[in-house]
Amino acid sequence: MTVQTHTIQLQTNGDADILDITTQVATAVRNTGLQNGTVTIFTASATSALTTIEYESGCVADLRRLFDEIVDPNRHYAHNARWQDGNGHSHVRAALLGPSLTVPFVNGRLTLGTWQQIIFVDFDNRPRERELIAQVMGT
């Protein structure tokens, strides 16, 4: 079994900025030369997350609205009271989705469904430069 680690650089706008990173992940897998295995994508951030969705404007808008409804940025957050940075809701939202995602690949191709894309969500309250880790394991 071979393990290779790659990075993916992103520039985000914050405030639930949702980016389709499927192409970058597929490229990382392709660049390994491996044919079968898994790729794990990880964000080393407490205010961002990874998941899959059908990346189209309606689903993206629905997901953003859902986060506003279940984790309202205007509520009181103890984190904000302590640090005065206004991103308490960002931490809670990121915790709901989680910092990593693992996708199998077969014959060098991600095994995503027809309407399924890998997305990165930056919940922080300001633009950020993000670096994702893509660790590819396989043969």
C-alpha atoms as a PDB file:
ATOM      1  CA  MET A   1       0.000   0.000   0.000  1.00  0.00           C
ATOM      2  CA  THR A   2       1.275   3.445  -0.939  1.00  0.00           C
ATOM      3  CA  VAL A   3       0.428   6.669   0.895  1.00  0.00           C
ATOM      4  CA  GLN A   4       0.910  10.077  -0.712  1.00  0.00           C
ATOM      5  CA  THR A   5      -0.033  13.461   0.715  1.00  0.00           C
ATOM      6  CA  HIS A   6      -0.954  16.503  -1.364  1.00  0.00           C
ATOM      7  CA  THR A   7      -2.228  19.959  -0.493  1.00  0.00           C
ATOM      8  CA  ILE A   8      -5.033  21.976  -2.055  1.00  0.00           C
ATOM      9  CA  GLN A   9      -4.858  25.765  -1.736  1.00  0.00           C
ATOM     10  CA  LEU A  10      -8.096  27.767  -1.551  1.00  0.00           C
ATOM     11  CA  GLN A  11      -9.059  31.426  -1.268  1.00  0.00           C
ATOM     12  CA  THR A  12     -12.470  31.880   0.333  1.00  0.00           C
ATOM     13  CA  ASN A  13     -14.892  34.702   1.070  1.00  0.00           C
ATOM     14  CA  GLY A  14     -16.069  33.310   4.426  1.00  0.00           C
ATOM     15  CA  ASP A  15     -19.697  33.547   5.600  1.00  0.00           C
ATOM     16  CA  ALA A  16     -20.609  30.008   4.450  1.00  0.00           C
ATOM     17  CA  ASP A  17     -18.666  30.269   1.203  1.00  0.00           C
ATOM     18  CA  ILE A  18     -19.184  26.913  -0.548  1.00  0.00           C
ATOM     19  CA  LEU A  19     -16.590  25.754  -3.066  1.00  0.00           C
ATOM     20  CA  ASP A  20     -16.708  22.717  -5.351  1.00  0.00           C
ATOM     21  CA  ILE A  21     -13.306  21.052  -4.902  1.00  0.00           C
ATOM     22  CA  THR A  22     -14.060  17.840  -6.817  1.00  0.00           C
ATOM     23  CA  THR A  23     -11.662  18.661  -9.651  1.00  0.00           C
ATOM     24  CA  GLN A  24      -8.790  19.480  -7.277  1.00  0.00           C
ATOM     25  CA  VAL A  25      -9.321  16.202  -5.375  1.00  0.00           C
ATOM     26  CA  ALA A  26      -9.548  14.171  -8.604  1.00  0.00           C
ATOM     27  CA  THR A  27      -6.335  15.816  -9.801  1.00  0.00           C
ATOM     28  CA  ALA A  28      -4.565  14.937  -6.541  1.00  0.00           C
ATOM     29  CA  VAL A  29      -5.618  11.298  -6.967  1.00  0.00           C
ATOM     30  CA  ARG A  30      -4.609  11.240 -10.639  1.00  0.00           C
ATOM     31  CA  ASN A  31      -1.193  12.745  -9.825  1.00  0.00           C
ATOM     32  CA  THR A  32      -0.393   9.816  -7.517  1.00  0.00           C
ATOM     33  CA  GLY A  33      -0.610   7.280 -10.325  1.00  0.00           C
ATOM     34  CA  LEU A  34      -2.528   4.978  -7.969  1.00  0.00           C
ATOM     35  CA  GLN A  35      -5.481   3.046  -9.368  1.00  0.00           C
ATOM     36  CA  ASN A  36      -7.511   1.822  -6.398  1.00  0.00           C
ATOM     37  CA  GLY A  37      -7.821   3.096  -2.848  1.00  0.00           C
ATOM     38  CA  THR A  38      -9.176   6.016  -0.863  1.00  0.00           C
ATOM     39  CA  VAL A  39      -8.529   9.719  -0.610  1.00  0.00           C
ATOM     40  CA  THR A  40      -9.136  11.521   2.647  1.00  0.00           C
ATOM     41  CA  ILE A  41      -9.512  15.287   2.490  1.00  0.00           C
ATOM     42  CA  PHE A  42      -8.932  17.170   5.742  1.00  0.00           C
ATOM     43  CA  THR A  43      -9.248  20.828   6.688  1.00  0.00           C
ATOM     44  CA  ALA A  44      -7.004  21.884   9.554  1.00  0.00           C
ATOM     45  CA  SER A  45      -9.436  24.569  10.632  1.00  0.00           C
ATOM     46  CA  ALA A  46     -12.036  24.885  13.367  1.00  0.00           C
ATOM     47  CA  THR A  47     -14.302  27.081  11.203  1.00  0.00           C
ATOM     48  CA  SER A  48     -14.527  25.096   7.963  1.00  0.00           C
ATOM     49  CA  ALA A  49     -15.817  21.689   6.896  1.00  0.00           C
ATOM     50  CA  LEU A  50     -16.170  19.170   4.085  1.00  0.00           C
ATOM     51  CA  THR A  51     -19.102  17.190   2.706  1.00  0.00           C
ATOM     52  CA  THR A  52     -20.793  16.281  -0.575  1.00  0.00           C
ATOM     53  CA  ILE A  53     -23.795  17.819  -2.306  1.00  0.00           C
ATOM     54  CA  GLU A  54     -25.178  18.332  -5.767  1.00  0.00           C
ATOM     55  CA  TYR A  55     -23.267  21.538  -6.443  1.00  0.00           C
ATOM     56  CA  GLU A  56     -25.889  23.677  -8.141  1.00  0.00           C
ATOM     57  CA  SER A  57     -27.224  27.076  -7.134  1.00  0.00           C
ATOM     58  CA  GLY A  58     -30.456  25.774  -5.578  1.00  0.00           C
ATOM     59  CA  CYS A  59     -28.776  23.184  -3.338  1.00  0.00           C
ATOM     60  CA  VAL A  60     -26.048  25.647  -2.372  1.00  0.00           C
ATOM     61  CA  ALA A  61     -28.647  28.291  -1.422  1.00  0.00           C
ATOM     62  CA  ASP A  62     -30.676  25.697   0.513  1.00  0.00           C
ATOM     63  CA  LEU A  63     -27.615  24.576   2.485  1.00  0.00           C
ATOM     64  CA  ARG A  64     -26.675  28.161   3.370  1.00  0.00           C
ATOM     65  CA  ARG A  65     -30.258  28.892   4.480  1.00  0.00           C
ATOM     66  CA  LEU A  66     -30.336  25.746   6.586  1.00  0.00           C
ATOM     67  CA  PHE A  67     -27.207  26.793   8.458  1.00  0.00           C
ATOM     68  CA  ASP A  68     -28.689  30.234   9.110  1.00  0.00           C
ATOM     69  CA  GLU A  69     -31.809  28.553  10.493  1.00  0.00           C
ATOM     70  CA  ILE A  70     -30.154  25.998  12.772  1.00  0.00           C
ATOM     71  CA  VAL A  71     -27.086  28.011  13.813  1.00  0.00           C
ATOM     72  CA  ASP A  72     -28.183  31.648  13.686  1.00  0.00           C
ATOM     73  CA  PRO A  73     -25.148  33.971  13.593  1.00  0.00           C
ATOM     74  CA  ASN A  74     -27.062  36.566  15.643  1.00  0.00           C
ATOM     75  CA  ARG A  75     -27.475  34.375  18.735  1.00  0.00           C
ATOM     76  CA  HIS A  76     -25.317  34.744  21.813  1.00  0.00           C
ATOM     77  CA  TYR A  77     -22.178  32.578  21.665  1.00  0.00           C
ATOM     78  CA  ALA A  78     -19.902  32.189  24.682  1.00  0.00           C
ATOM     79  CA  HIS A  79     -16.958  31.978  22.267  1.00  0.00           C
ATOM     80  CA  ASN A  80     -17.704  35.519  21.061  1.00  0.00           C
ATOM     81  CA  ALA A  81     -17.959  36.787  24.630  1.00  0.00           C
ATOM     82  CA  ARG A  82     -14.523  35.358  25.400  1.00  0.00           C
ATOM     83  CA  TRP A  83     -12.630  36.241  22.199  1.00  0.00           C
ATOM     84  CA  GLN A  84     -14.663  39.132  20.720  1.00  0.00           C
ATOM     85  CA  ASP A  85     -14.119  37.764  17.198  1.00  0.00           C
ATOM     86  CA  GLY A  86     -17.748  37.218  16.217  1.00  0.00           C
ATOM     87  CA  ASN A  87     -17.268  33.743  14.782  1.00  0.00           C
ATOM     88  CA  GLY A  88     -18.801  31.569  17.490  1.00  0.00           C
ATOM     89  CA  HIS A  89     -21.453  30.399  15.030  1.00  0.00           C
ATOM     90  CA  SER A  90     -18.686  29.440  12.565  1.00  0.00           C
ATOM     91  CA  HIS A  91     -17.180  26.972  15.034  1.00  0.00           C
ATOM     92  CA  VAL A  92     -20.558  25.372  15.780  1.00  0.00           C
ATOM     93  CA  ARG A  93     -21.446  25.044  12.094  1.00  0.00           C
ATOM     94  CA  ALA A  94     -18.087  23.468  11.255  1.00  0.00           C
ATOM     95  CA  ALA A  95     -18.491  20.979  14.096  1.00  0.00           C
ATOM     96  CA  LEU A  96     -21.834  19.825  12.655  1.00  0.00           C
ATOM     97  CA  LEU A  97     -20.307  18.840   9.296  1.00  0.00           C
ATOM     98  CA  GLY A  98     -16.810  17.817  10.376  1.00  0.00           C
ATOM     99  CA  PRO A  99     -13.268  18.432   9.140  1.00  0.00           C
ATOM    100  CA  SER A 100     -12.754  15.435   6.840  1.00  0.00           C
ATOM    101  CA  LEU A 101     -14.236  13.314   4.091  1.00  0.00           C
ATOM    102  CA  THR A 102     -13.050  10.003   2.617  1.00  0.00           C
ATOM    103  CA  VAL A 103     -13.876   8.957  -0.938  1.00  0.00           C
ATOM    104  CA  PRO A 104     -12.918   5.644  -2.578  1.00  0.00           C
ATOM    105  CA  PHE A 105     -11.433   5.614  -6.066  1.00  0.00           C
ATOM    106  CA  VAL A 106     -11.393   2.767  -8.581  1.00  0.00           C
ATOM    107  CA  ASN A 107      -9.307   2.676 -11.757  1.00  0.00           C
ATOM    108  CA  GLY A 108      -7.980   6.127 -10.841  1.00  0.00           C
ATOM    109  CA  ARG A 109     -11.451   7.729 -10.682  1.00  0.00           C
ATOM    110  CA  LEU A 110     -13.408   8.989  -7.698  1.00  0.00           C
ATOM    111  CA  THR A 111     -16.514   6.856  -7.047  1.00  0.00           C
ATOM    112  CA  LEU A 112     -18.870   9.807  -6.642  1.00  0.00           C
ATOM    113  CA  GLY A 113     -22.492   9.602  -7.737  1.00  0.00           C
ATOM    114  CA  THR A 114     -23.661  11.314 -10.906  1.00  0.00           C
ATOM    115  CA  TRP A 115     -24.884  14.436  -9.096  1.00  0.00           C
ATOM    116  CA  GLN A 116     -22.431  14.348  -6.195  1.00  0.00           C
ATOM    117  CA  GLN A 117     -19.576  16.791  -5.781  1.00  0.00           C
ATOM    118  CA  ILE A 118     -17.096  17.320  -2.948  1.00  0.00           C
ATOM    119  CA  ILE A 119     -17.527  20.692  -1.301  1.00  0.00           C
ATOM    120  CA  PHE A 120     -15.509  22.789   1.108  1.00  0.00           C
ATOM    121  CA  VAL A 121     -17.497  25.169   3.307  1.00  0.00           C
ATOM    122  CA  ASP A 122     -15.786  28.116   4.976  1.00  0.00           C
ATOM    123  CA  PHE A 123     -17.976  29.270   7.848  1.00  0.00           C
ATOM    124  CA  ASP A 124     -15.609  31.915   9.212  1.00  0.00           C
ATOM    125  CA  ASN A 125     -16.824  35.506   9.217  1.00  0.00           C
ATOM    126  CA  ARG A 126     -14.075  36.831   6.945  1.00  0.00           C
ATOM    127  CA  PRO A 127     -12.142  35.836   3.815  1.00  0.00           C
ATOM    128  CA  ARG A 128      -9.417  33.259   4.406  1.00  0.00           C
ATOM    129  CA  GLU A 129      -6.592  31.435   2.699  1.00  0.00           C
ATOM    130  CA  ARG A 130      -7.108  27.732   3.363  1.00  0.00           C
ATOM    131  CA  GLU A 131      -4.924  24.705   2.837  1.00  0.00           C
ATOM    132  CA  LEU A 132      -6.533  21.284   2.641  1.00  0.00           C
ATOM    133  CA  ILE A 133      -4.669  18.029   3.059  1.00  0.00           C
ATOM    134  CA  ALA A 134      -5.486  15.240   0.583  1.00  0.00           C
ATOM    135  CA  GLN A 135      -4.005  11.955   1.717  1.00  0.00           C
ATOM    136  CA  VAL A 136      -4.251   9.244  -0.918  1.00  0.00           C
ATOM    137  CA  MET A 137      -3.807   5.574   0.009  1.00  0.00           C
ATOM    138  CA  GLY A 138      -3.922   2.706  -2.422  1.00  0.00           C
ATOM    139  CA  THR A 139      -2.280   0.521  -4.983  1.00  0.00           C
END
